[in-house]
Amino acid sequence: MTARNELRLLPWSGPEGKPCYLSTDDKGGYMSRLADNIEKNQLDMAAILLEHAANTLDDEGTDSEDLRRLTRELTGTLRDVLRVATSRGHLLGMSEPHRF
């Protein structure tokens, strides 16, 4: 059995929001590449949302509903980015994964 510190935290959750892990020595395998692509997309979306958030906050006409929607989007994106950072830190042996 693979030790937990050798598992890769995947960028998606399993049933009931529990973390999913990958056990493989093949960093170029299908699941590893899929996880890499999803992580890249999540980080790209975070950059786009960050620019949108800056523009929304600069707009004095932004109403409270727009701010609530932006906050929900930022919260979800921050969760994704934290999962990527945790996964990468975990691969480097830096820390235990956080609960999401």
N, C-alpha and C. Protein backbone atom coordinates (compact mmCIF):
# COMPACT_ATOMS: atom_id res chain seq x y z
N MET A 1 0.84 -1.18 0.00
CA MET A 1 0.00 0.00 0.00
C MET A 1 0.88 1.24 0.00
N THR A 2 0.49 2.26 -0.76
CA THR A 2 1.24 3.50 -0.85
C THR A 2 1.01 4.34 0.39
N ALA A 3 2.08 4.91 0.93
CA ALA A 3 1.95 5.78 2.10
C ALA A 3 1.21 7.06 1.71
N ARG A 4 0.48 7.63 2.65
CA ARG A 4 -0.32 8.83 2.37
C ARG A 4 0.54 9.98 1.85
N ASN A 5 1.78 10.09 2.34
CA ASN A 5 2.62 11.20 1.90
C ASN A 5 3.13 11.00 0.48
N GLU A 6 2.84 9.85 -0.14
CA GLU A 6 3.22 9.60 -1.52
C GLU A 6 2.04 9.77 -2.47
N LEU A 7 0.89 10.08 -1.93
CA LEU A 7 -0.31 10.24 -2.74
C LEU A 7 -0.43 11.67 -3.25
N ARG A 8 -1.02 11.83 -4.42
CA ARG A 8 -1.26 13.16 -4.97
C ARG A 8 -2.71 13.56 -4.68
N LEU A 9 -2.88 14.72 -4.07
CA LEU A 9 -4.21 15.27 -3.87
C LEU A 9 -4.72 15.76 -5.22
N LEU A 10 -5.86 15.23 -5.64
CA LEU A 10 -6.41 15.59 -6.94
C LEU A 10 -7.23 16.88 -6.85
N PRO A 11 -7.39 17.60 -7.96
CA PRO A 11 -8.08 18.89 -7.92
C PRO A 11 -9.60 18.80 -7.95
N TRP A 12 -10.13 17.69 -7.51
CA TRP A 12 -11.59 17.55 -7.42
C TRP A 12 -11.90 16.75 -6.16
N SER A 13 -13.15 16.84 -5.73
CA SER A 13 -13.58 16.14 -4.52
C SER A 13 -14.37 14.90 -4.91
N GLY A 14 -14.39 13.96 -4.00
CA GLY A 14 -15.18 12.76 -4.17
C GLY A 14 -16.54 12.93 -3.53
N PRO A 15 -17.22 11.81 -3.32
CA PRO A 15 -18.53 11.87 -2.67
C PRO A 15 -18.45 12.58 -1.32
N GLU A 16 -19.47 13.35 -1.05
CA GLU A 16 -19.59 14.08 0.22
C GLU A 16 -18.46 15.09 0.42
N GLY A 17 -17.83 15.52 -0.68
CA GLY A 17 -16.78 16.53 -0.60
C GLY A 17 -15.45 16.05 -0.07
N LYS A 18 -15.30 14.74 0.04
CA LYS A 18 -14.04 14.19 0.57
C LYS A 18 -12.93 14.30 -0.48
N PRO A 19 -11.68 14.50 -0.03
CA PRO A 19 -10.58 14.62 -0.99
C PRO A 19 -10.32 13.31 -1.73
N CYS A 20 -9.86 13.45 -2.96
CA CYS A 20 -9.48 12.30 -3.79
C CYS A 20 -7.96 12.32 -3.95
N TYR A 21 -7.37 11.14 -3.93
CA TYR A 21 -5.92 11.02 -4.07
C TYR A 21 -5.60 10.05 -5.20
N LEU A 22 -4.43 10.26 -5.78
CA LEU A 22 -3.93 9.40 -6.84
C LEU A 22 -2.65 8.74 -6.37
N SER A 23 -2.57 7.44 -6.55
CA SER A 23 -1.37 6.69 -6.24
C SER A 23 -0.81 6.15 -7.55
N THR A 24 0.30 6.73 -7.99
CA THR A 24 0.94 6.27 -9.22
C THR A 24 2.38 6.73 -9.25
N ASP A 25 3.20 5.96 -9.92
CA ASP A 25 4.58 6.35 -10.16
C ASP A 25 4.72 6.99 -11.54
N ASP A 26 3.64 6.97 -12.33
CA ASP A 26 3.66 7.48 -13.70
C ASP A 26 3.13 8.90 -13.73
N LYS A 27 4.03 9.89 -13.62
CA LYS A 27 3.62 11.29 -13.63
C LYS A 27 3.10 11.72 -15.00
N GLY A 28 3.32 10.92 -16.03
CA GLY A 28 2.81 11.21 -17.36
C GLY A 28 1.59 10.39 -17.72
N GLY A 29 1.06 9.65 -16.76
CA GLY A 29 -0.12 8.82 -17.00
C GLY A 29 -1.37 9.66 -17.21
N TYR A 30 -2.42 9.00 -17.68
CA TYR A 30 -3.66 9.68 -18.01
C TYR A 30 -4.21 10.49 -16.83
N MET A 31 -4.31 9.91 -15.66
CA MET A 31 -4.90 10.61 -14.51
C MET A 31 -4.01 11.77 -14.05
N SER A 32 -2.71 11.59 -14.11
CA SER A 32 -1.80 12.68 -13.74
C SER A 32 -1.94 13.84 -14.71
N ARG A 33 -2.01 13.55 -16.00
CA ARG A 33 -2.17 14.60 -17.01
C ARG A 33 -3.53 15.29 -16.87
N LEU A 34 -4.57 14.50 -16.60
CA LEU A 34 -5.90 15.07 -16.39
C LEU A 34 -5.88 16.03 -15.21
N ALA A 35 -5.29 15.62 -14.11
CA ALA A 35 -5.20 16.48 -12.92
C ALA A 35 -4.39 17.74 -13.23
N ASP A 36 -3.28 17.59 -13.96
CA ASP A 36 -2.46 18.75 -14.33
C ASP A 36 -3.28 19.74 -15.16
N ASN A 37 -4.04 19.23 -16.12
CA ASN A 37 -4.85 20.10 -16.99
C ASN A 37 -5.94 20.81 -16.20
N ILE A 38 -6.59 20.10 -15.30
CA ILE A 38 -7.63 20.72 -14.48
C ILE A 38 -7.03 21.78 -13.58
N GLU A 39 -5.88 21.50 -12.98
CA GLU A 39 -5.22 22.49 -12.14
C GLU A 39 -4.87 23.74 -12.95
N LYS A 40 -4.35 23.54 -14.17
CA LYS A 40 -4.02 24.69 -15.02
C LYS A 40 -5.26 25.51 -15.31
N ASN A 41 -6.36 24.85 -15.64
CA ASN A 41 -7.61 25.57 -15.91
C ASN A 41 -8.09 26.33 -14.68
N GLN A 42 -7.97 25.72 -13.51
CA GLN A 42 -8.40 26.38 -12.28
C GLN A 42 -7.56 27.63 -12.03
N LEU A 43 -6.25 27.55 -12.25
CA LEU A 43 -5.39 28.70 -12.04
C LEU A 43 -5.65 29.79 -13.08
N ASP A 44 -5.90 29.39 -14.32
CA ASP A 44 -6.24 30.36 -15.37
C ASP A 44 -7.53 31.09 -15.02
N MET A 45 -8.54 30.34 -14.56
CA MET A 45 -9.82 30.95 -14.18
C MET A 45 -9.64 31.89 -12.99
N ALA A 46 -8.76 31.55 -12.07
CA ALA A 46 -8.50 32.41 -10.92
C ALA A 46 -7.91 33.74 -11.38
N ALA A 47 -7.01 33.72 -12.35
CA ALA A 47 -6.42 34.96 -12.86
C ALA A 47 -7.48 35.83 -13.53
N ILE A 48 -8.36 35.21 -14.31
CA ILE A 48 -9.44 35.95 -14.97
C ILE A 48 -10.38 36.55 -13.93
N LEU A 49 -10.75 35.76 -12.92
CA LEU A 49 -11.67 36.24 -11.89
C LEU A 49 -11.03 37.36 -11.07
N LEU A 50 -9.74 37.27 -10.82
CA LEU A 50 -9.06 38.32 -10.06
C LEU A 50 -9.15 39.65 -10.80
N GLU A 51 -8.95 39.62 -12.11
CA GLU A 51 -9.07 40.85 -12.90
C GLU A 51 -10.52 41.37 -12.85
N HIS A 52 -11.47 40.45 -12.99
CA HIS A 52 -12.89 40.83 -12.91
C HIS A 52 -13.21 41.44 -11.55
N ALA A 53 -12.68 40.86 -10.49
CA ALA A 53 -12.94 41.36 -9.14
C ALA A 53 -12.38 42.78 -8.98
N ALA A 54 -11.19 43.01 -9.49
CA ALA A 54 -10.59 44.35 -9.40
C ALA A 54 -11.46 45.37 -10.13
N ASN A 55 -11.94 45.01 -11.31
CA ASN A 55 -12.80 45.91 -12.07
C ASN A 55 -14.13 46.15 -11.36
N THR A 56 -14.70 45.10 -10.80
CA THR A 56 -15.98 45.23 -10.09
C THR A 56 -15.83 46.13 -8.88
N LEU A 57 -14.76 45.96 -8.13
CA LEU A 57 -14.55 46.77 -6.94
C LEU A 57 -14.27 48.24 -7.27
N ASP A 58 -13.68 48.48 -8.45
CA ASP A 58 -13.41 49.85 -8.88
C ASP A 58 -14.66 50.56 -9.38
N ASP A 59 -15.69 49.81 -9.73
CA ASP A 59 -16.92 50.36 -10.28
C ASP A 59 -17.83 50.81 -9.14
N GLU A 60 -18.00 52.12 -9.01
CA GLU A 60 -18.83 52.65 -7.91
C GLU A 60 -20.31 52.29 -8.07
N GLY A 61 -20.70 51.84 -9.25
CA GLY A 61 -22.09 51.46 -9.49
C GLY A 61 -22.39 50.01 -9.13
N THR A 62 -21.41 49.29 -8.62
CA THR A 62 -21.62 47.90 -8.25
C THR A 62 -22.57 47.82 -7.05
N ASP A 63 -23.62 47.02 -7.20
CA ASP A 63 -24.58 46.90 -6.10
C ASP A 63 -24.24 45.70 -5.21
N SER A 64 -24.97 45.57 -4.12
CA SER A 64 -24.67 44.54 -3.13
C SER A 64 -24.87 43.13 -3.70
N GLU A 65 -25.84 42.94 -4.60
CA GLU A 65 -26.03 41.61 -5.21
C GLU A 65 -24.82 41.23 -6.05
N ASP A 66 -24.28 42.19 -6.80
CA ASP A 66 -23.08 41.92 -7.60
C ASP A 66 -21.90 41.56 -6.69
N LEU A 67 -21.80 42.24 -5.57
CA LEU A 67 -20.71 41.94 -4.63
C LEU A 67 -20.88 40.56 -3.99
N ARG A 68 -22.12 40.19 -3.67
CA ARG A 68 -22.36 38.85 -3.12
C ARG A 68 -22.00 37.77 -4.14
N ARG A 69 -22.41 37.98 -5.39
CA ARG A 69 -22.10 37.02 -6.46
C ARG A 69 -20.58 36.91 -6.64
N LEU A 70 -19.91 38.06 -6.65
CA LEU A 70 -18.45 38.07 -6.78
C LEU A 70 -17.80 37.33 -5.61
N THR A 71 -18.31 37.55 -4.42
CA THR A 71 -17.76 36.87 -3.23
C THR A 71 -17.92 35.36 -3.33
N ARG A 72 -19.07 34.89 -3.81
CA ARG A 72 -19.28 33.44 -3.99
C ARG A 72 -18.29 32.89 -5.01
N GLU A 73 -18.12 33.60 -6.12
CA GLU A 73 -17.19 33.15 -7.15
C GLU A 73 -15.75 33.13 -6.63
N LEU A 74 -15.38 34.19 -5.90
CA LEU A 74 -14.02 34.24 -5.34
C LEU A 74 -13.79 33.14 -4.32
N THR A 75 -14.81 32.84 -3.52
CA THR A 75 -14.68 31.78 -2.52
C THR A 75 -14.43 30.42 -3.19
N GLY A 76 -15.21 30.11 -4.21
CA GLY A 76 -15.02 28.84 -4.93
C GLY A 76 -13.66 28.77 -5.60
N THR A 77 -13.26 29.87 -6.21
CA THR A 77 -11.96 29.89 -6.90
C THR A 77 -10.82 29.80 -5.90
N LEU A 78 -10.94 30.49 -4.78
CA LEU A 78 -9.90 30.40 -3.75
C LEU A 78 -9.79 28.98 -3.23
N ARG A 79 -10.91 28.28 -3.08
CA ARG A 79 -10.91 26.89 -2.65
C ARG A 79 -10.12 26.03 -3.65
N ASP A 80 -10.37 26.25 -4.96
CA ASP A 80 -9.66 25.50 -5.99
C ASP A 80 -8.16 25.78 -5.96
N VAL A 81 -7.79 27.06 -5.85
CA VAL A 81 -6.38 27.44 -5.84
C VAL A 81 -5.68 26.90 -4.60
N LEU A 82 -6.36 26.93 -3.47
CA LEU A 82 -5.78 26.38 -2.24
C LEU A 82 -5.55 24.88 -2.38
N ARG A 83 -6.47 24.19 -3.04
CA ARG A 83 -6.31 22.75 -3.27
C ARG A 83 -5.08 22.50 -4.16
N VAL A 84 -4.90 23.31 -5.20
CA VAL A 84 -3.72 23.16 -6.07
C VAL A 84 -2.45 23.42 -5.26
N ALA A 85 -2.45 24.49 -4.48
CA ALA A 85 -1.27 24.81 -3.67
C ALA A 85 -0.98 23.72 -2.65
N THR A 86 -2.03 23.20 -2.02
CA THR A 86 -1.85 22.12 -1.05
C THR A 86 -1.29 20.88 -1.74
N SER A 87 -1.83 20.56 -2.91
CA SER A 87 -1.36 19.40 -3.65
C SER A 87 0.11 19.55 -4.01
N ARG A 88 0.48 20.72 -4.52
CA ARG A 88 1.87 20.95 -4.91
C ARG A 88 2.79 20.96 -3.70
N GLY A 89 2.34 21.59 -2.63
CA GLY A 89 3.14 21.58 -1.40
C GLY A 89 3.28 20.18 -0.84
N HIS A 90 2.20 19.40 -0.95
CA HIS A 90 2.23 18.01 -0.49
C HIS A 90 3.23 17.20 -1.30
N LEU A 91 3.25 17.43 -2.62
CA LEU A 91 4.21 16.72 -3.47
C LEU A 91 5.64 17.08 -3.12
N LEU A 92 5.85 18.30 -2.62
CA LEU A 92 7.17 18.73 -2.21
C LEU A 92 7.49 18.32 -0.78
N GLY A 93 6.53 17.69 -0.11
CA GLY A 93 6.73 17.25 1.26
C GLY A 93 6.68 18.38 2.26
N MET A 94 5.91 19.44 1.93
CA MET A 94 5.91 20.62 2.77
C MET A 94 4.85 20.61 3.87
N SER A 95 3.70 20.01 3.62
CA SER A 95 2.64 20.07 4.63
C SER A 95 1.59 19.01 4.38
N GLU A 96 0.75 18.83 5.37
CA GLU A 96 -0.40 17.95 5.24
C GLU A 96 -1.50 18.68 4.51
N PRO A 97 -2.32 17.99 3.74
CA PRO A 97 -3.42 18.67 3.03
C PRO A 97 -4.44 19.25 4.01
N HIS A 98 -5.01 20.38 3.62
CA HIS A 98 -6.08 21.00 4.41
C HIS A 98 -7.39 20.32 4.06
N ARG A 99 -8.36 20.48 4.92
CA ARG A 99 -9.72 20.02 4.60
C ARG A 99 -10.43 21.11 3.83
N PHE A 100 -11.18 20.73 2.81
CA PHE A 100 -11.88 21.71 1.97
C PHE A 100 -13.35 21.62 2.19
